[in-house]
Amino acid sequence: MAQTIDLIGIGSPVVDLLASVDDAFVEALEGGKGGMELVDAIQLEELVSTLDSEPDVAPGGSAGNTAYAAARLGTKTSFIGKLGDCEAGTFYRERFESIGADVTRFKIGDVPNARCLSMVTPDSERTMRTDLGAAMTLTPEEITVADFEGARHVHMEGYLAFNRDLMEHVLKCAKEAGCTTSFDMASFEVVKASEDVLEGWLRDYIDIVFANEDEASAFFPDMGEDYQGMAKAFAQLCDVAAVKLGKDGSLVAQGDEVTFVDPVVVDKAVDTTGAGDYWAGGFLTAWLQGKPLAECGHYGSVLGAEVVQVMGASLAEERWTALNEQL
C-alpha cells in the first residue's frame, strides 16, 4: 500500500481549558505543582467553578498537539483517538480537519469528550487535572493494523501508558504495519507508574523517545543531573533519544553520540502548556524529512520556544506563516 500519511498521533483528543491562577490556588490542591492528575467529570466541574473567570478553550492533548504542530509545518498527519459524541468532540475534529489533517481514524464514544484544566501560575508552570471522558473508553479491540497502513510513523503520548493493554496493542500494531514509532514520556507520574514495563517497551518497540529532565531523572533515579549520560543511556535502548532541558537547550543522542542543541531564547515565557508536544512536532517533521539530528533538535527548539509565548497550545495564523518561512 502506498504511504499517504507521514505521521499518526495516538492518544487522548483532549479539549484544553486554560486558566491563569496564583500559586496559592495550586498549593491548595492535592498533588504536586507542575504535574498531571486524573479526575472525573464532577471533580473537574467543581474545580472549574472555583476559578475567578471562565477558562479559554483550545484543542489539546499531548499527541494531538504534536500532530497539530507537525501538520502546520506541512507534514501529512492523522490521529487515532476517541472523541465524545458532543460539542467538544465536534470542535476537536473540525479544528483538526481545518488544517488539512486526516480525520478518518478518529473513533467516536458515547460519553462526553476528554477535557483538561490547565492551571497556569505566574512563573508560567502549568498544573493539570484531566477528565479523560470518551478518550478513556478506547479499547484495544477498536484498533487494528489497518489503522496504521499507509503511514510512515506513529507518535504515542505517555498518558497512553496508563492503559497498558492498549499501549502494548498499539505498539504491536504499529510495528506490524511497518511504521517507525516515537514515545513522549509526558510526565514524571507516567514514568513512575510504568517503571516495570517502560524499559521493555523502549527496547522492543520504540524508535525515538522524548523526555524532559524530570522524566529522564525519574527513569534514571541514580544518575543525579547527568543528563548527557541519561540521553546516551536512553539511546542504548532505542535508536534516538531527546532529553529536553527547558531554557538550557536539549540533548539528542544516537548510539554513543550526544549532540547539544542550543535553546531558542524568548523574552517572556507565558505558559509552558504544549512546549514539549510542539518540540516533538518540530523534531519529527525534520526527522521525517531526513534532516540531521542537530537540525531536528533545532526545529523542536524553535516550535517549543514559540508556543511558550502564548496561553495554551495554539498559535496565531501569522506565526505559522513566519515559522514555515523560517524553517
C-alpha atoms as a PDB file:
ATOM      1  CA  MET A   1       0.000   0.000   0.000  1.00  0.00           C
ATOM      2  CA  ALA A   2       1.301   3.453  -0.862  1.00  0.00           C
ATOM      3  CA  GLN A   3       2.334   5.569   2.111  1.00  0.00           C
ATOM      4  CA  THR A   4      -0.034   8.529   2.230  1.00  0.00           C
ATOM      5  CA  ILE A   5       0.368   9.672   5.845  1.00  0.00           C
ATOM      6  CA  ASP A   6       3.706  10.788   7.316  1.00  0.00           C
ATOM      7  CA  LEU A   7       2.666  10.873  10.957  1.00  0.00           C
ATOM      8  CA  ILE A   8      -0.158   9.385  13.003  1.00  0.00           C
ATOM      9  CA  GLY A   9      -0.565  10.719  16.512  1.00  0.00           C
ATOM     10  CA  ILE A  10      -2.253   8.455  19.024  1.00  0.00           C
ATOM     11  CA  GLY A  11      -3.549   9.384  22.440  1.00  0.00           C
ATOM     12  CA  SER A  12      -6.339  11.302  24.101  1.00  0.00           C
ATOM     13  CA  PRO A  13      -8.007  14.029  21.994  1.00  0.00           C
ATOM     14  CA  VAL A  14      -8.457  16.423  24.892  1.00  0.00           C
ATOM     15  CA  VAL A  15     -10.096  19.838  24.847  1.00  0.00           C
ATOM     16  CA  ASP A  16      -7.989  22.171  26.999  1.00  0.00           C
ATOM     17  CA  LEU A  17      -9.477  24.621  29.483  1.00  0.00           C
ATOM     18  CA  LEU A  18      -6.803  27.256  30.170  1.00  0.00           C
ATOM     19  CA  ALA A  19      -6.826  29.352  33.333  1.00  0.00           C
ATOM     20  CA  SER A  20      -4.362  31.777  34.927  1.00  0.00           C
ATOM     21  CA  VAL A  21      -4.181  31.174  38.692  1.00  0.00           C
ATOM     22  CA  ASP A  22      -1.932  32.229  41.575  1.00  0.00           C
ATOM     23  CA  ASP A  23       0.416  29.897  43.452  1.00  0.00           C
ATOM     24  CA  ALA A  24      -1.953  29.707  46.421  1.00  0.00           C
ATOM     25  CA  PHE A  25      -4.669  28.206  44.192  1.00  0.00           C
ATOM     26  CA  VAL A  26      -2.367  25.362  43.097  1.00  0.00           C
ATOM     27  CA  GLU A  27      -0.918  24.860  46.592  1.00  0.00           C
ATOM     28  CA  ALA A  28      -4.444  24.263  47.929  1.00  0.00           C
ATOM     29  CA  LEU A  29      -4.849  21.281  45.573  1.00  0.00           C
ATOM     30  CA  GLU A  30      -3.870  17.720  46.375  1.00  0.00           C
ATOM     31  CA  GLY A  31      -0.806  16.600  44.394  1.00  0.00           C
ATOM     32  CA  GLY A  32       2.319  18.416  43.295  1.00  0.00           C
ATOM     33  CA  LYS A  33       2.626  21.589  41.265  1.00  0.00           C
ATOM     34  CA  GLY A  34       3.542  21.040  37.626  1.00  0.00           C
ATOM     35  CA  GLY A  35       2.144  17.536  37.250  1.00  0.00           C
ATOM     36  CA  MET A  36      -0.980  15.973  35.785  1.00  0.00           C
ATOM     37  CA  GLU A  37      -3.584  14.064  37.769  1.00  0.00           C
ATOM     38  CA  LEU A  38      -6.745  12.328  36.591  1.00  0.00           C
ATOM     39  CA  VAL A  39     -10.130  13.437  37.918  1.00  0.00           C
ATOM     40  CA  ASP A  40     -13.717  12.601  36.988  1.00  0.00           C
ATOM     41  CA  ALA A  41     -16.167  14.942  35.248  1.00  0.00           C
ATOM     42  CA  ILE A  42     -17.767  16.060  38.535  1.00  0.00           C
ATOM     43  CA  GLN A  43     -14.416  16.891  40.151  1.00  0.00           C
ATOM     44  CA  LEU A  44     -13.366  18.841  37.064  1.00  0.00           C
ATOM     45  CA  GLU A  45     -16.606  20.856  37.070  1.00  0.00           C
ATOM     46  CA  GLU A  46     -16.142  21.651  40.776  1.00  0.00           C
ATOM     47  CA  LEU A  47     -12.584  22.857  40.114  1.00  0.00           C
ATOM     48  CA  VAL A  48     -13.675  24.999  37.151  1.00  0.00           C
ATOM     49  CA  SER A  49     -16.420  26.545  39.307  1.00  0.00           C
ATOM     50  CA  THR A  50     -13.801  27.855  41.767  1.00  0.00           C
ATOM     51  CA  LEU A  51     -11.924  29.822  39.101  1.00  0.00           C
ATOM     52  CA  ASP A  52     -12.157  33.625  39.077  1.00  0.00           C
ATOM     53  CA  SER A  53     -13.143  33.698  35.400  1.00  0.00           C
ATOM     54  CA  GLU A  54     -14.186  31.403  32.560  1.00  0.00           C
ATOM     55  CA  PRO A  55     -11.213  29.455  31.144  1.00  0.00           C
ATOM     56  CA  ASP A  56     -10.136  29.747  27.498  1.00  0.00           C
ATOM     57  CA  VAL A  57     -10.916  26.699  25.338  1.00  0.00           C
ATOM     58  CA  ALA A  58      -8.499  25.096  22.843  1.00  0.00           C
ATOM     59  CA  PRO A  59      -7.836  21.660  21.308  1.00  0.00           C
ATOM     60  CA  GLY A  60      -5.071  19.866  23.185  1.00  0.00           C
ATOM     61  CA  GLY A  61      -3.811  16.513  24.334  1.00  0.00           C
ATOM     62  CA  SER A  62      -0.120  15.670  24.157  1.00  0.00           C
ATOM     63  CA  ALA A  63      -0.053  13.641  20.916  1.00  0.00           C
ATOM     64  CA  GLY A  64      -2.793  15.872  19.490  1.00  0.00           C
ATOM     65  CA  ASN A  65      -0.618  18.955  19.977  1.00  0.00           C
ATOM     66  CA  THR A  66       2.352  17.167  18.392  1.00  0.00           C
ATOM     67  CA  ALA A  67       0.325  16.046  15.366  1.00  0.00           C
ATOM     68  CA  TYR A  68      -1.240  19.511  15.038  1.00  0.00           C
ATOM     69  CA  ALA A  69       2.153  21.250  15.101  1.00  0.00           C
ATOM     70  CA  ALA A  70       3.610  18.806  12.564  1.00  0.00           C
ATOM     71  CA  ALA A  71       0.600  19.331  10.279  1.00  0.00           C
ATOM     72  CA  ARG A  72       1.070  23.108  10.418  1.00  0.00           C
ATOM     73  CA  LEU A  73       4.635  22.578   9.145  1.00  0.00           C
ATOM     74  CA  GLY A  74       3.364  20.618   6.145  1.00  0.00           C
ATOM     75  CA  THR A  75       3.587  17.065   7.500  1.00  0.00           C
ATOM     76  CA  LYS A  76       0.770  14.801   6.275  1.00  0.00           C
ATOM     77  CA  THR A  77      -0.883  13.922   9.559  1.00  0.00           C
ATOM     78  CA  SER A  78      -3.659  11.794  11.021  1.00  0.00           C
ATOM     79  CA  PHE A  79      -4.808  10.930  14.535  1.00  0.00           C
ATOM     80  CA  ILE A  80      -6.175   7.910  16.376  1.00  0.00           C
ATOM     81  CA  GLY A  81      -8.168   8.643  19.498  1.00  0.00           C
ATOM     82  CA  LYS A  82     -11.733   8.547  20.795  1.00  0.00           C
ATOM     83  CA  LEU A  83     -13.863  11.674  20.635  1.00  0.00           C
ATOM     84  CA  GLY A  84     -17.050  12.291  22.573  1.00  0.00           C
ATOM     85  CA  ASP A  85     -20.286  12.489  20.624  1.00  0.00           C
ATOM     86  CA  CYS A  86     -20.758  16.048  21.849  1.00  0.00           C
ATOM     87  CA  GLU A  87     -19.977  19.694  21.103  1.00  0.00           C
ATOM     88  CA  ALA A  88     -16.423  19.409  22.439  1.00  0.00           C
ATOM     89  CA  GLY A  89     -15.736  16.329  20.304  1.00  0.00           C
ATOM     90  CA  THR A  90     -17.051  18.073  17.182  1.00  0.00           C
ATOM     91  CA  PHE A  91     -14.938  21.148  17.988  1.00  0.00           C
ATOM     92  CA  TYR A  92     -11.832  18.970  18.231  1.00  0.00           C
ATOM     93  CA  ARG A  93     -12.423  17.100  14.958  1.00  0.00           C
ATOM     94  CA  GLU A  94     -13.307  20.253  12.998  1.00  0.00           C
ATOM     95  CA  ARG A  95     -10.200  22.055  14.248  1.00  0.00           C
ATOM     96  CA  PHE A  96      -8.034  19.149  13.035  1.00  0.00           C
ATOM     97  CA  GLU A  97      -9.838  18.988   9.709  1.00  0.00           C
ATOM     98  CA  SER A  98      -9.437  22.749   9.157  1.00  0.00           C
ATOM     99  CA  ILE A  99      -5.654  22.392   8.814  1.00  0.00           C
ATOM    100  CA  GLY A 100      -5.873  19.619   6.232  1.00  0.00           C
ATOM    101  CA  ALA A 101      -5.223  16.720   8.585  1.00  0.00           C
ATOM    102  CA  ASP A 102      -6.885  13.333   8.010  1.00  0.00           C
ATOM    103  CA  VAL A 103      -9.765  12.784  10.456  1.00  0.00           C
ATOM    104  CA  THR A 104     -10.927   9.346   9.263  1.00  0.00           C
ATOM    105  CA  ARG A 105      -9.144   7.457  12.043  1.00  0.00           C
ATOM    106  CA  PHE A 106     -10.969   9.106  14.976  1.00  0.00           C
ATOM    107  CA  LYS A 107     -13.246   6.781  16.966  1.00  0.00           C
ATOM    108  CA  ILE A 108     -16.496   8.143  18.471  1.00  0.00           C
ATOM    109  CA  GLY A 109     -17.591   7.331  22.015  1.00  0.00           C
ATOM    110  CA  ASP A 110     -20.940   7.647  23.772  1.00  0.00           C
ATOM    111  CA  VAL A 111     -19.696   9.697  26.754  1.00  0.00           C
ATOM    112  CA  PRO A 112     -18.551  13.355  26.713  1.00  0.00           C
ATOM    113  CA  ASN A 113     -15.164  14.317  25.258  1.00  0.00           C
ATOM    114  CA  ALA A 114     -11.995  14.395  27.337  1.00  0.00           C
ATOM    115  CA  ARG A 115     -11.162  17.751  28.942  1.00  0.00           C
ATOM    116  CA  CYS A 116      -8.097  19.053  30.771  1.00  0.00           C
ATOM    117  CA  LEU A 117      -7.985  22.046  33.086  1.00  0.00           C
ATOM    118  CA  SER A 118      -4.532  23.598  32.723  1.00  0.00           C
ATOM    119  CA  MET A 119      -3.833  25.975  35.624  1.00  0.00           C
ATOM    120  CA  VAL A 120      -1.009  28.361  34.783  1.00  0.00           C
ATOM    121  CA  THR A 121       0.833  30.116  37.617  1.00  0.00           C
ATOM    122  CA  PRO A 122       2.760  33.430  37.272  1.00  0.00           C
ATOM    123  CA  ASP A 123       6.047  31.516  36.704  1.00  0.00           C
ATOM    124  CA  SER A 124       4.400  30.025  33.524  1.00  0.00           C
ATOM    125  CA  GLU A 125       4.339  26.490  35.018  1.00  0.00           C
ATOM    126  CA  ARG A 126       1.163  24.529  34.359  1.00  0.00           C
ATOM    127  CA  THR A 127      -0.584  22.096  36.679  1.00  0.00           C
ATOM    128  CA  MET A 128      -3.156  19.863  35.023  1.00  0.00           C
ATOM    129  CA  ARG A 129      -6.277  17.998  36.068  1.00  0.00           C
ATOM    130  CA  THR A 130      -7.741  15.773  33.355  1.00  0.00           C
ATOM    131  CA  ASP A 131     -11.089  14.035  32.876  1.00  0.00           C
ATOM    132  CA  LEU A 132     -10.362  11.508  30.119  1.00  0.00           C
ATOM    133  CA  GLY A 133     -14.054  11.035  29.281  1.00  0.00           C
ATOM    134  CA  ALA A 134     -14.551   9.304  25.918  1.00  0.00           C
ATOM    135  CA  ALA A 135     -10.790   9.016  25.380  1.00  0.00           C
ATOM    136  CA  MET A 136     -10.559   6.563  28.287  1.00  0.00           C
ATOM    137  CA  THR A 137     -13.120   4.235  26.688  1.00  0.00           C
ATOM    138  CA  LEU A 138     -10.872   3.443  23.706  1.00  0.00           C
ATOM    139  CA  THR A 139     -10.208  -0.311  23.761  1.00  0.00           C
ATOM    140  CA  PRO A 140      -7.563  -2.483  22.049  1.00  0.00           C
ATOM    141  CA  GLU A 141     -10.348  -4.175  20.067  1.00  0.00           C
ATOM    142  CA  GLU A 142     -11.153  -0.881  18.314  1.00  0.00           C
ATOM    143  CA  ILE A 143      -7.646  -0.597  16.843  1.00  0.00           C
ATOM    144  CA  THR A 144      -6.236  -2.860  14.153  1.00  0.00           C
ATOM    145  CA  VAL A 145      -3.147  -2.984  11.965  1.00  0.00           C
ATOM    146  CA  ALA A 146      -5.309  -1.472   9.208  1.00  0.00           C
ATOM    147  CA  ASP A 147      -5.447   1.813  11.190  1.00  0.00           C
ATOM    148  CA  PHE A 148      -1.710   2.225  10.576  1.00  0.00           C
ATOM    149  CA  GLU A 149      -1.467   1.053   6.975  1.00  0.00           C
ATOM    150  CA  GLY A 150      -0.161   3.694   4.596  1.00  0.00           C
ATOM    151  CA  ALA A 151       1.590   5.551   7.416  1.00  0.00           C
ATOM    152  CA  ARG A 152       5.319   6.079   7.956  1.00  0.00           C
ATOM    153  CA  HIS A 153       5.470   6.953  11.644  1.00  0.00           C
ATOM    154  CA  VAL A 154       3.344   6.640  14.795  1.00  0.00           C
ATOM    155  CA  HIS A 155       3.767   9.041  17.722  1.00  0.00           C
ATOM    156  CA  MET A 156       2.395   7.998  21.123  1.00  0.00           C
ATOM    157  CA  GLU A 157       1.860  10.164  24.175  1.00  0.00           C
ATOM    158  CA  GLY A 158       2.996   8.956  27.581  1.00  0.00           C
ATOM    159  CA  TYR A 159      -0.518   9.099  29.036  1.00  0.00           C
ATOM    160  CA  LEU A 160      -1.378   6.098  26.845  1.00  0.00           C
ATOM    161  CA  ALA A 161       0.788   4.080  29.259  1.00  0.00           C
ATOM    162  CA  PHE A 162      -1.921   4.403  31.950  1.00  0.00           C
ATOM    163  CA  ASN A 163      -3.803   1.804  29.844  1.00  0.00           C
ATOM    164  CA  ARG A 164      -1.137  -0.870  29.436  1.00  0.00           C
ATOM    165  CA  ASP A 165      -3.173  -3.290  27.342  1.00  0.00           C
ATOM    166  CA  LEU A 166      -3.987  -0.523  24.865  1.00  0.00           C
ATOM    167  CA  MET A 167      -0.404   0.753  24.785  1.00  0.00           C
ATOM    168  CA  GLU A 168       1.043  -2.690  24.074  1.00  0.00           C
ATOM    169  CA  HIS A 169      -1.589  -3.390  21.420  1.00  0.00           C
ATOM    170  CA  VAL A 170      -0.818  -0.088  19.665  1.00  0.00           C
ATOM    171  CA  LEU A 171       2.930  -0.789  19.753  1.00  0.00           C
ATOM    172  CA  LYS A 172       2.437  -4.216  18.193  1.00  0.00           C
ATOM    173  CA  CYS A 173       0.015  -2.978  15.505  1.00  0.00           C
ATOM    174  CA  ALA A 174       2.283  -0.075  14.531  1.00  0.00           C
ATOM    175  CA  LYS A 175       5.280  -2.368  14.199  1.00  0.00           C
ATOM    176  CA  GLU A 176       3.302  -4.959  12.250  1.00  0.00           C
ATOM    177  CA  ALA A 177       2.252  -2.192   9.840  1.00  0.00           C
ATOM    178  CA  GLY A 178       5.934  -1.343   9.320  1.00  0.00           C
ATOM    179  CA  CYS A 179       5.809   2.083  10.994  1.00  0.00           C
ATOM    180  CA  THR A 180       8.603   3.670  12.990  1.00  0.00           C
ATOM    181  CA  THR A 181       7.466   4.851  16.435  1.00  0.00           C
ATOM    182  CA  SER A 182       8.107   7.594  18.967  1.00  0.00           C
ATOM    183  CA  PHE A 183       7.030   7.982  22.588  1.00  0.00           C
ATOM    184  CA  ASP A 184       6.809  11.153  24.657  1.00  0.00           C
ATOM    185  CA  MET A 185       7.167  10.327  28.363  1.00  0.00           C
ATOM    186  CA  ALA A 186       4.744  13.183  29.142  1.00  0.00           C
ATOM    187  CA  SER A 187       5.200  13.443  32.934  1.00  0.00           C
ATOM    188  CA  PHE A 188       7.175  12.027  35.835  1.00  0.00           C
ATOM    189  CA  GLU A 189       3.948  10.371  37.041  1.00  0.00           C
ATOM    190  CA  VAL A 190       3.819   8.331  33.818  1.00  0.00           C
ATOM    191  CA  VAL A 191       7.403   7.156  34.329  1.00  0.00           C
ATOM    192  CA  LYS A 192       6.792   6.132  37.947  1.00  0.00           C
ATOM    193  CA  ALA A 193       3.543   4.330  37.112  1.00  0.00           C
ATOM    194  CA  SER A 194       5.151   2.401  34.223  1.00  0.00           C
ATOM    195  CA  GLU A 195       8.639   1.746  35.567  1.00  0.00           C
ATOM    196  CA  ASP A 196       8.275  -2.053  35.446  1.00  0.00           C
ATOM    197  CA  VAL A 197       7.400  -2.131  31.701  1.00  0.00           C
ATOM    198  CA  LEU A 198       8.824   1.073  30.213  1.00  0.00           C
ATOM    199  CA  GLU A 199      12.333  -0.237  29.605  1.00  0.00           C
ATOM    200  CA  GLY A 200      10.983  -3.234  27.676  1.00  0.00           C
ATOM    201  CA  TRP A 201       8.747  -1.021  25.520  1.00  0.00           C
ATOM    202  CA  LEU A 202      11.656   1.275  24.677  1.00  0.00           C
ATOM    203  CA  ARG A 203      13.941  -1.628  23.837  1.00  0.00           C
ATOM    204  CA  ASP A 204      11.480  -3.744  21.845  1.00  0.00           C
ATOM    205  CA  TYR A 205       9.136  -1.318  20.092  1.00  0.00           C
ATOM    206  CA  ILE A 206      10.105   2.369  20.289  1.00  0.00           C
ATOM    207  CA  ASP A 207      12.498   4.101  17.884  1.00  0.00           C
ATOM    208  CA  ILE A 208      12.530   7.626  19.360  1.00  0.00           C
ATOM    209  CA  VAL A 209      11.956   8.699  22.967  1.00  0.00           C
ATOM    210  CA  PHE A 210      11.308  12.260  24.177  1.00  0.00           C
ATOM    211  CA  ALA A 211      11.832  13.164  27.849  1.00  0.00           C
ATOM    212  CA  ASN A 212      12.347  16.365  29.825  1.00  0.00           C
ATOM    213  CA  GLU A 213      14.776  16.495  32.737  1.00  0.00           C
ATOM    214  CA  ASP A 214      12.134  15.479  35.327  1.00  0.00           C
ATOM    215  CA  GLU A 215      11.038  12.453  33.289  1.00  0.00           C
ATOM    216  CA  ALA A 216      14.612  11.400  32.498  1.00  0.00           C
ATOM    217  CA  SER A 217      15.551  11.716  36.181  1.00  0.00           C
ATOM    218  CA  ALA A 218      12.541   9.619  37.188  1.00  0.00           C
ATOM    219  CA  PHE A 219      13.625   6.910  34.713  1.00  0.00           C
ATOM    220  CA  PHE A 220      17.289   7.068  35.803  1.00  0.00           C
ATOM    221  CA  PRO A 221      16.996   7.920  39.534  1.00  0.00           C
ATOM    222  CA  ASP A 222      20.647   7.069  40.270  1.00  0.00           C
ATOM    223  CA  MET A 223      22.198   9.417  37.687  1.00  0.00           C
ATOM    224  CA  GLY A 224      21.771  12.709  39.551  1.00  0.00           C
ATOM    225  CA  GLU A 225      21.879  15.543  36.996  1.00  0.00           C
ATOM    226  CA  ASP A 226      23.978  13.716  34.402  1.00  0.00           C
ATOM    227  CA  TYR A 227      21.543  14.463  31.572  1.00  0.00           C
ATOM    228  CA  GLN A 228      24.144  13.683  28.924  1.00  0.00           C
ATOM    229  CA  GLY A 229      24.578  10.235  30.476  1.00  0.00           C
ATOM    230  CA  MET A 230      20.798   9.814  30.557  1.00  0.00           C
ATOM    231  CA  ALA A 231      20.476  10.711  26.867  1.00  0.00           C
ATOM    232  CA  LYS A 232      23.186   8.198  25.997  1.00  0.00           C
ATOM    233  CA  ALA A 233      21.572   5.511  28.188  1.00  0.00           C
ATOM    234  CA  PHE A 234      18.195   6.092  26.509  1.00  0.00           C
ATOM    235  CA  ALA A 235      19.884   5.713  23.107  1.00  0.00           C
ATOM    236  CA  GLN A 236      21.135   2.266  24.113  1.00  0.00           C
ATOM    237  CA  LEU A 237      17.506   1.205  24.496  1.00  0.00           C
ATOM    238  CA  CYS A 238      16.021   2.826  21.388  1.00  0.00           C
ATOM    239  CA  ASP A 239      17.520   4.359  18.264  1.00  0.00           C
ATOM    240  CA  VAL A 240      17.185   8.085  19.049  1.00  0.00           C
ATOM    241  CA  ALA A 241      16.669   9.913  22.358  1.00  0.00           C
ATOM    242  CA  ALA A 242      15.949  13.553  23.098  1.00  0.00           C
ATOM    243  CA  VAL A 243      16.337  14.948  26.623  1.00  0.00           C
ATOM    244  CA  LYS A 244      14.908  18.473  26.848  1.00  0.00           C
ATOM    245  CA  LEU A 245      16.363  20.860  29.422  1.00  0.00           C
ATOM    246  CA  GLY A 246      13.976  23.801  29.039  1.00  0.00           C
ATOM    247  CA  LYS A 247      15.783  27.120  28.720  1.00  0.00           C
ATOM    248  CA  ASP A 248      19.119  25.254  28.891  1.00  0.00           C
ATOM    249  CA  GLY A 249      18.599  23.616  25.487  1.00  0.00           C
ATOM    250  CA  SER A 250      18.375  19.919  24.755  1.00  0.00           C
ATOM    251  CA  LEU A 251      20.423  16.792  24.140  1.00  0.00           C
ATOM    252  CA  VAL A 252      19.825  14.453  21.206  1.00  0.00           C
ATOM    253  CA  ALA A 253      21.531  11.063  21.298  1.00  0.00           C
ATOM    254  CA  GLN A 254      22.002   8.226  18.839  1.00  0.00           C
ATOM    255  CA  GLY A 255      24.322   5.341  19.627  1.00  0.00           C
ATOM    256  CA  ASP A 256      27.231   6.759  21.665  1.00  0.00           C
ATOM    257  CA  GLU A 257      26.938  10.239  20.146  1.00  0.00           C
ATOM    258  CA  VAL A 258      25.226  13.043  22.042  1.00  0.00           C
ATOM    259  CA  THR A 259      24.506  16.355  20.288  1.00  0.00           C
ATOM    260  CA  PHE A 260      23.767  19.522  22.267  1.00  0.00           C
ATOM    261  CA  VAL A 261      21.025  21.684  20.764  1.00  0.00           C
ATOM    262  CA  ASP A 262      21.117  25.377  21.674  1.00  0.00           C
ATOM    263  CA  PRO A 263      17.960  26.782  23.249  1.00  0.00           C
ATOM    264  CA  VAL A 264      15.897  29.377  21.421  1.00  0.00           C
ATOM    265  CA  VAL A 265      15.683  32.186  23.986  1.00  0.00           C
ATOM    266  CA  VAL A 266      12.434  34.126  24.413  1.00  0.00           C
ATOM    267  CA  ASP A 267      11.866  37.434  26.193  1.00  0.00           C
ATOM    268  CA  LYS A 268       8.942  36.192  28.263  1.00  0.00           C
ATOM    269  CA  ALA A 269       7.519  32.707  28.758  1.00  0.00           C
ATOM    270  CA  VAL A 270       3.775  32.982  29.401  1.00  0.00           C
ATOM    271  CA  ASP A 271       2.705  29.330  29.638  1.00  0.00           C
ATOM    272  CA  THR A 272       4.621  26.060  29.183  1.00  0.00           C
ATOM    273  CA  THR A 273       1.480  24.188  28.005  1.00  0.00           C
ATOM    274  CA  GLY A 274       2.316  22.245  24.853  1.00  0.00           C
ATOM    275  CA  ALA A 275       6.019  23.176  24.823  1.00  0.00           C
ATOM    276  CA  GLY A 276       7.230  19.561  24.870  1.00  0.00           C
ATOM    277  CA  ASP A 277       4.496  18.499  22.435  1.00  0.00           C
ATOM    278  CA  TYR A 278       5.421  21.222  19.940  1.00  0.00           C
ATOM    279  CA  TRP A 279       9.114  20.359  20.413  1.00  0.00           C
ATOM    280  CA  ALA A 280       8.309  16.773  19.366  1.00  0.00           C
ATOM    281  CA  GLY A 281       6.214  18.052  16.436  1.00  0.00           C
ATOM    282  CA  GLY A 282       9.103  20.136  15.130  1.00  0.00           C
ATOM    283  CA  PHE A 283      11.643  17.369  15.688  1.00  0.00           C
ATOM    284  CA  LEU A 284       9.548  14.696  13.951  1.00  0.00           C
ATOM    285  CA  THR A 285       8.792  16.976  10.987  1.00  0.00           C
ATOM    286  CA  ALA A 286      12.523  17.426  10.350  1.00  0.00           C
ATOM    287  CA  TRP A 287      13.313  13.756  11.120  1.00  0.00           C
ATOM    288  CA  LEU A 288      10.712  12.530   8.624  1.00  0.00           C
ATOM    289  CA  GLN A 289      12.379  14.794   6.041  1.00  0.00           C
ATOM    290  CA  GLY A 290      15.689  13.027   6.706  1.00  0.00           C
ATOM    291  CA  LYS A 291      17.423  16.028   8.268  1.00  0.00           C
ATOM    292  CA  PRO A 292      20.439  15.613  10.638  1.00  0.00           C
ATOM    293  CA  LEU A 293      19.577  15.183  14.329  1.00  0.00           C
ATOM    294  CA  ALA A 294      21.015  18.602  15.262  1.00  0.00           C
ATOM    295  CA  GLU A 295      18.648  20.231  12.777  1.00  0.00           C
ATOM    296  CA  CYS A 296      15.739  18.109  14.046  1.00  0.00           C
ATOM    297  CA  GLY A 297      16.500  19.394  17.538  1.00  0.00           C
ATOM    298  CA  HIS A 298      16.619  22.964  16.243  1.00  0.00           C
ATOM    299  CA  TYR A 299      13.156  22.589  14.673  1.00  0.00           C
ATOM    300  CA  GLY A 300      11.940  21.320  18.048  1.00  0.00           C
ATOM    301  CA  SER A 301      13.516  24.213  19.931  1.00  0.00           C
ATOM    302  CA  VAL A 302      12.030  26.819  17.579  1.00  0.00           C
ATOM    303  CA  LEU A 303       8.492  25.431  17.976  1.00  0.00           C
ATOM    304  CA  GLY A 304       8.825  24.903  21.725  1.00  0.00           C
ATOM    305  CA  ALA A 305      10.041  28.482  22.202  1.00  0.00           C
ATOM    306  CA  GLU A 306       7.218  29.827  20.055  1.00  0.00           C
ATOM    307  CA  VAL A 307       4.389  28.172  21.968  1.00  0.00           C
ATOM    308  CA  VAL A 308       5.570  29.192  25.469  1.00  0.00           C
ATOM    309  CA  GLN A 309       4.938  32.822  24.479  1.00  0.00           C
ATOM    310  CA  VAL A 310       1.157  32.290  24.316  1.00  0.00           C
ATOM    311  CA  MET A 311      -1.522  30.851  26.585  1.00  0.00           C
ATOM    312  CA  GLY A 312      -2.283  27.277  25.555  1.00  0.00           C
ATOM    313  CA  ALA A 313      -1.026  25.340  22.548  1.00  0.00           C
ATOM    314  CA  SER A 314      -2.479  27.419  19.711  1.00  0.00           C
ATOM    315  CA  LEU A 315      -0.507  29.917  17.633  1.00  0.00           C
ATOM    316  CA  ALA A 316      -1.902  32.767  15.525  1.00  0.00           C
ATOM    317  CA  GLU A 317      -2.018  32.227  11.764  1.00  0.00           C
ATOM    318  CA  GLU A 318       0.703  34.804  11.083  1.00  0.00           C
ATOM    319  CA  ARG A 319       3.079  32.990  13.434  1.00  0.00           C
ATOM    320  CA  TRP A 320       2.633  29.724  11.470  1.00  0.00           C
ATOM    321  CA  THR A 321       3.336  31.645   8.260  1.00  0.00           C
ATOM    322  CA  ALA A 322       6.522  33.069   9.796  1.00  0.00           C
ATOM    323  CA  LEU A 323       7.623  29.688  11.157  1.00  0.00           C
ATOM    324  CA  ASN A 324       7.191  27.975   7.799  1.00  0.00           C
ATOM    325  CA  GLU A 325       9.279  30.709   6.167  1.00  0.00           C
ATOM    326  CA  GLN A 326      11.917  30.471   8.915  1.00  0.00           C
ATOM    327  CA  LEU A 327      12.224  26.665   8.799  1.00  0.00           C
END
